[in-house]
């Protein structure tokens, strides 16, 4: 069973399985979060390798 994911539109923080009242990273309110599915539909995400273990995601 997959859990819902929420993405902060202000900073990009991704929360899995919990829709927070405020973003723990930037403090944005709950209304500034969208589901990961909605994020994927709105934005094109490109992966850029940083090193062999880390990939940066840009939208």
PDB file of N, CA and C in Angstrom:
ATOM      1  N   UNK A   1       0.848  -1.187   0.000  1.00  0.00           N
ATOM      2  CA  UNK A   1       0.000   0.000   0.000  1.00  0.00           C
ATOM      3  C   UNK A   1       0.890   1.246   0.000  1.00  0.00           C
ATOM      4  N   UNK A   2       0.678   2.152  -0.956  1.00  0.00           N
ATOM      5  CA  UNK A   2       1.488   3.359  -1.013  1.00  0.00           C
ATOM      6  C   UNK A   2       0.840   4.462  -0.187  1.00  0.00           C
ATOM      7  N   UNK A   3       1.681   5.313   0.357  1.00  0.00           N
ATOM      8  CA  UNK A   3       1.199   6.432   1.163  1.00  0.00           C
ATOM      9  C   UNK A   3       1.162   7.686   0.302  1.00  0.00           C
ATOM     10  N   UNK A   4       0.217   8.562   0.603  1.00  0.00           N
ATOM     11  CA  UNK A   4       0.110   9.835  -0.105  1.00  0.00           C
ATOM     12  C   UNK A   4       1.349  10.677   0.211  1.00  0.00           C
ATOM     13  N   UNK A   5       1.811  11.426  -0.780  1.00  0.00           N
ATOM     14  CA  UNK A   5       2.941  12.322  -0.597  1.00  0.00           C
ATOM     15  C   UNK A   5       2.483  13.739  -0.867  1.00  0.00           C
ATOM     16  N   UNK A   6       3.022  14.685  -0.111  1.00  0.00           N
ATOM     17  CA  UNK A   6       2.699  16.099  -0.271  1.00  0.00           C
ATOM     18  C   UNK A   6       3.978  16.877  -0.507  1.00  0.00           C
ATOM     19  N   UNK A   7       3.916  17.854  -1.422  1.00  0.00           N
ATOM     20  CA  UNK A   7       5.081  18.651  -1.787  1.00  0.00           C
ATOM     21  C   UNK A   7       4.795  20.119  -1.484  1.00  0.00           C
ATOM     22  N   UNK A   8       5.727  20.771  -0.793  1.00  0.00           N
ATOM     23  CA  UNK A   8       5.605  22.198  -0.477  1.00  0.00           C
ATOM     24  C   UNK A   8       5.918  23.006  -1.732  1.00  0.00           C
ATOM     25  N   UNK A   9       5.007  23.895  -2.122  1.00  0.00           N
ATOM     26  CA  UNK A   9       5.213  24.720  -3.302  1.00  0.00           C
ATOM     27  C   UNK A   9       6.224  25.838  -3.063  1.00  0.00           C
ATOM     28  N   UNK A  10       6.546  26.119  -1.812  1.00  0.00           N
ATOM     29  CA  UNK A  10       7.490  27.189  -1.501  1.00  0.00           C
ATOM     30  C   UNK A  10       8.933  26.690  -1.596  1.00  0.00           C
ATOM     31  N   UNK A  11       9.217  25.569  -0.933  1.00  0.00           N
ATOM     32  CA  UNK A  11      10.607  25.107  -0.861  1.00  0.00           C
ATOM     33  C   UNK A  11      10.845  23.737  -1.488  1.00  0.00           C
ATOM     34  N   UNK A  12       9.783  23.001  -1.828  1.00  0.00           N
ATOM     35  CA  UNK A  12       9.943  21.689  -2.432  1.00  0.00           C
ATOM     36  C   UNK A  12      10.043  20.540  -1.456  1.00  0.00           C
ATOM     37  N   UNK A  13       9.896  20.813  -0.163  1.00  0.00           N
ATOM     38  CA  UNK A  13       9.963  19.744   0.844  1.00  0.00           C
ATOM     39  C   UNK A  13       8.894  18.701   0.536  1.00  0.00           C
ATOM     40  N   UNK A  14       9.241  17.421   0.664  1.00  0.00           N
ATOM     41  CA  UNK A  14       8.339  16.316   0.353  1.00  0.00           C
ATOM     42  C   UNK A  14       8.015  15.565   1.636  1.00  0.00           C
ATOM     43  N   UNK A  15       6.724  15.487   1.979  1.00  0.00           N
ATOM     44  CA  UNK A  15       6.266  14.809   3.182  1.00  0.00           C
ATOM     45  C   UNK A  15       5.507  13.556   2.762  1.00  0.00           C
ATOM     46  N   UNK A  16       5.887  12.408   3.286  1.00  0.00           N
ATOM     47  CA  UNK A  16       5.274  11.132   2.918  1.00  0.00           C
ATOM     48  C   UNK A  16       4.331  10.670   4.024  1.00  0.00           C
ATOM     49  N   UNK A  17       3.057  10.431   3.657  1.00  0.00           N
ATOM     50  CA  UNK A  17       2.084   9.864   4.580  1.00  0.00           C
ATOM     51  C   UNK A  17       1.509  10.809   5.620  1.00  0.00           C
ATOM     52  N   UNK A  18       1.790  12.099   5.493  1.00  0.00           N
ATOM     53  CA  UNK A  18       1.317  13.069   6.487  1.00  0.00           C
ATOM     54  C   UNK A  18       1.192  14.426   5.815  1.00  0.00           C
ATOM     55  N   UNK A  19       0.039  15.090   5.985  1.00  0.00           N
ATOM     56  CA  UNK A  19      -0.174  16.431   5.444  1.00  0.00           C
ATOM     57  C   UNK A  19      -0.002  17.422   6.596  1.00  0.00           C
ATOM     58  N   UNK A  20       1.171  18.045   6.706  1.00  0.00           N
ATOM     59  CA  UNK A  20       1.464  18.893   7.868  1.00  0.00           C
ATOM     60  C   UNK A  20       0.684  20.200   7.880  1.00  0.00           C
ATOM     61  N   UNK A  21       0.498  20.734   9.073  1.00  0.00           N
ATOM     62  CA  UNK A  21      -0.141  22.062   9.231  1.00  0.00           C
ATOM     63  C   UNK A  21       0.754  23.141   8.639  1.00  0.00           C
ATOM     64  N   UNK A  22       2.062  23.020   8.880  1.00  0.00           N
ATOM     65  CA  UNK A  22       3.055  23.935   8.317  1.00  0.00           C
ATOM     66  C   UNK A  22       4.257  23.117   7.849  1.00  0.00           C
ATOM     67  N   UNK A  23       4.973  23.657   6.894  1.00  0.00           N
ATOM     68  CA  UNK A  23       6.166  22.985   6.384  1.00  0.00           C
ATOM     69  C   UNK A  23       7.248  23.025   7.470  1.00  0.00           C
ATOM     70  N   UNK A  24       7.808  21.864   7.831  1.00  0.00           N
ATOM     71  CA  UNK A  24       8.844  21.851   8.855  1.00  0.00           C
ATOM     72  C   UNK A  24      10.154  22.491   8.384  1.00  0.00           C
ATOM     73  N   UNK A  25      10.292  22.712   7.090  1.00  0.00           N
ATOM     74  CA  UNK A  25      11.523  23.290   6.566  1.00  0.00           C
ATOM     75  C   UNK A  25      11.429  24.811   6.432  1.00  0.00           C
ATOM     76  N   UNK A  26      10.347  25.311   5.771  1.00  0.00           N
ATOM     77  CA  UNK A  26      10.258  26.756   5.508  1.00  0.00           C
ATOM     78  C   UNK A  26       9.122  27.462   6.249  1.00  0.00           C
ATOM     79  N   UNK A  27       8.204  26.693   6.867  1.00  0.00           N
ATOM     80  CA  UNK A  27       7.120  27.295   7.634  1.00  0.00           C
ATOM     81  C   UNK A  27       5.870  27.639   6.836  1.00  0.00           C
ATOM     82  N   UNK A  28       5.832  27.307   5.550  1.00  0.00           N
ATOM     83  CA  UNK A  28       4.649  27.592   4.730  1.00  0.00           C
ATOM     84  C   UNK A  28       3.434  26.846   5.270  1.00  0.00           C
ATOM     85  N   UNK A  29       2.256  27.424   5.105  1.00  0.00           N
ATOM     86  CA  UNK A  29       1.023  26.824   5.590  1.00  0.00           C
ATOM     87  C   UNK A  29       0.584  25.622   4.764  1.00  0.00           C
ATOM     88  N   UNK A  30      -0.336  24.854   5.341  1.00  0.00           N
ATOM     89  CA  UNK A  30      -0.847  23.634   4.717  1.00  0.00           C
ATOM     90  C   UNK A  30      -1.422  23.883   3.321  1.00  0.00           C
ATOM     91  N   UNK A  31      -1.972  25.059   3.088  1.00  0.00           N
ATOM     92  CA  UNK A  31      -2.553  25.379   1.785  1.00  0.00           C
ATOM     93  C   UNK A  31      -1.494  25.489   0.683  1.00  0.00           C
ATOM     94  N   UNK A  32      -0.235  25.553   1.046  1.00  0.00           N
ATOM     95  CA  UNK A  32       0.862  25.647   0.081  1.00  0.00           C
ATOM     96  C   UNK A  32       1.418  24.278  -0.305  1.00  0.00           C
ATOM     97  N   UNK A  33       0.781  23.190   0.156  1.00  0.00           N
ATOM     98  CA  UNK A  33       1.167  21.830  -0.199  1.00  0.00           C
ATOM     99  C   UNK A  33       0.221  21.286  -1.259  1.00  0.00           C
ATOM    100  N   UNK A  34       0.761  20.518  -2.195  1.00  0.00           N
ATOM    101  CA  UNK A  34      -0.044  19.792  -3.165  1.00  0.00           C
ATOM    102  C   UNK A  34       0.394  18.328  -3.131  1.00  0.00           C
ATOM    103  N   UNK A  35      -0.430  17.455  -3.670  1.00  0.00           N
ATOM    104  CA  UNK A  35      -0.046  16.039  -3.690  1.00  0.00           C
ATOM    105  C   UNK A  35       1.089  15.839  -4.693  1.00  0.00           C
ATOM    106  N   UNK A  36       1.847  14.777  -4.495  1.00  0.00           N
ATOM    107  CA  UNK A  36       2.943  14.466  -5.413  1.00  0.00           C
ATOM    108  C   UNK A  36       2.405  14.204  -6.820  1.00  0.00           C
ATOM    109  N   UNK A  37       1.228  13.591  -6.936  1.00  0.00           N
ATOM    110  CA  UNK A  37       0.617  13.351  -8.248  1.00  0.00           C
ATOM    111  C   UNK A  37       0.298  14.675  -8.941  1.00  0.00           C
ATOM    112  N   UNK A  38      -0.254  15.629  -8.194  1.00  0.00           N
ATOM    113  CA  UNK A  38      -0.559  16.944  -8.756  1.00  0.00           C
ATOM    114  C   UNK A  38       0.727  17.669  -9.150  1.00  0.00           C
ATOM    115  N   UNK A  39       1.763  17.515  -8.351  1.00  0.00           N
ATOM    116  CA  UNK A  39       3.056  18.128  -8.649  1.00  0.00           C
ATOM    117  C   UNK A  39       3.613  17.567  -9.951  1.00  0.00           C
ATOM    118  N   UNK A  40       3.540  16.253 -10.116  1.00  0.00           N
ATOM    119  CA  UNK A  40       4.036  15.615 -11.343  1.00  0.00           C
ATOM    120  C   UNK A  40       3.249  16.064 -12.563  1.00  0.00           C
ATOM    121  N   UNK A  41       1.947  16.307 -12.394  1.00  0.00           N
ATOM    122  CA  UNK A  41       1.116  16.757 -13.503  1.00  0.00           C
ATOM    123  C   UNK A  41       1.413  18.207 -13.887  1.00  0.00           C
ATOM    124  N   UNK A  42       1.768  19.037 -12.894  1.00  0.00           N
ATOM    125  CA  UNK A  42       2.026  20.462 -13.144  1.00  0.00           C
ATOM    126  C   UNK A  42       3.437  20.751 -13.650  1.00  0.00           C
ATOM    127  N   UNK A  43       4.416  20.030 -13.113  1.00  0.00           N
ATOM    128  CA  UNK A  43       5.814  20.362 -13.352  1.00  0.00           C
ATOM    129  C   UNK A  43       6.575  19.199 -13.968  1.00  0.00           C
ATOM    130  N   UNK A  44       7.533  19.515 -14.802  1.00  0.00           N
ATOM    131  CA  UNK A  44       8.446  18.514 -15.343  1.00  0.00           C
ATOM    132  C   UNK A  44       9.657  18.474 -14.415  1.00  0.00           C
ATOM    133  N   UNK A  45       9.988  17.303 -13.941  1.00  0.00           N
ATOM    134  CA  UNK A  45      11.105  17.142 -13.021  1.00  0.00           C
ATOM    135  C   UNK A  45      12.252  16.478 -13.764  1.00  0.00           C
ATOM    136  N   UNK A  46      13.437  17.090 -13.670  1.00  0.00           N
ATOM    137  CA  UNK A  46      14.630  16.559 -14.317  1.00  0.00           C
ATOM    138  C   UNK A  46      15.645  16.171 -13.254  1.00  0.00           C
ATOM    139  N   UNK A  47      16.199  14.988 -13.380  1.00  0.00           N
ATOM    140  CA  UNK A  47      17.208  14.499 -12.436  1.00  0.00           C
ATOM    141  C   UNK A  47      18.600  14.845 -12.946  1.00  0.00           C
ATOM    142  N   UNK A  48      19.425  15.409 -12.058  1.00  0.00           N
ATOM    143  CA  UNK A  48      20.804  15.741 -12.381  1.00  0.00           C
ATOM    144  C   UNK A  48      21.723  15.041 -11.395  1.00  0.00           C
ATOM    145  N   UNK A  49      22.551  14.100 -11.847  1.00  0.00           N
ATOM    146  CA  UNK A  49      23.458  13.414 -10.921  1.00  0.00           C
ATOM    147  C   UNK A  49      24.459  14.395 -10.304  1.00  0.00           C
ATOM    148  N   UNK A  50      24.614  14.331  -8.983  1.00  0.00           N
ATOM    149  CA  UNK A  50      25.592  15.146  -8.271  1.00  0.00           C
ATOM    150  C   UNK A  50      26.862  14.321  -8.058  1.00  0.00           C
ATOM    151  N   UNK A  51      26.667  13.104  -7.595  1.00  0.00           N
ATOM    152  CA  UNK A  51      27.758  12.137  -7.480  1.00  0.00           C
ATOM    153  C   UNK A  51      27.127  10.742  -7.572  1.00  0.00           C
ATOM    154  N   UNK A  52      27.854   9.695  -7.273  1.00  0.00           N
ATOM    155  CA  UNK A  52      27.304   8.348  -7.463  1.00  0.00           C
ATOM    156  C   UNK A  52      26.168   8.011  -6.497  1.00  0.00           C
ATOM    157  N   UNK A  53      26.006   8.774  -5.427  1.00  0.00           N
ATOM    158  CA  UNK A  53      24.955   8.484  -4.438  1.00  0.00           C
ATOM    159  C   UNK A  53      23.848   9.519  -4.381  1.00  0.00           C
ATOM    160  N   UNK A  54      24.068  10.688  -4.953  1.00  0.00           N
ATOM    161  CA  UNK A  54      23.117  11.789  -4.815  1.00  0.00           C
ATOM    162  C   UNK A  54      22.660  12.281  -6.184  1.00  0.00           C
ATOM    163  N   UNK A  55      21.341  12.478  -6.311  1.00  0.00           N
ATOM    164  CA  UNK A  55      20.761  13.046  -7.523  1.00  0.00           C
ATOM    165  C   UNK A  55      19.930  14.266  -7.128  1.00  0.00           C
ATOM    166  N   UNK A  56      20.152  15.384  -7.803  1.00  0.00           N
ATOM    167  CA  UNK A  56      19.379  16.592  -7.545  1.00  0.00           C
ATOM    168  C   UNK A  56      18.182  16.599  -8.489  1.00  0.00           C
ATOM    169  N   UNK A  57      16.993  16.909  -7.955  1.00  0.00           N
ATOM    170  CA  UNK A  57      15.781  17.003  -8.767  1.00  0.00           C
ATOM    171  C   UNK A  57      15.435  18.472  -8.983  1.00  0.00           C
ATOM    172  N   UNK A  58      15.309  18.868 -10.234  1.00  0.00           N
ATOM    173  CA  UNK A  58      14.952  20.239 -10.593  1.00  0.00           C
ATOM    174  C   UNK A  58      13.609  20.239 -11.272  1.00  0.00           C
ATOM    175  N   UNK A  59      12.803  21.267 -10.983  1.00  0.00           N
ATOM    176  CA  UNK A  59      11.525  21.403 -11.678  1.00  0.00           C
ATOM    177  C   UNK A  59      11.375  22.795 -12.215  1.00  0.00           C
TER     178      UNK A  59
END
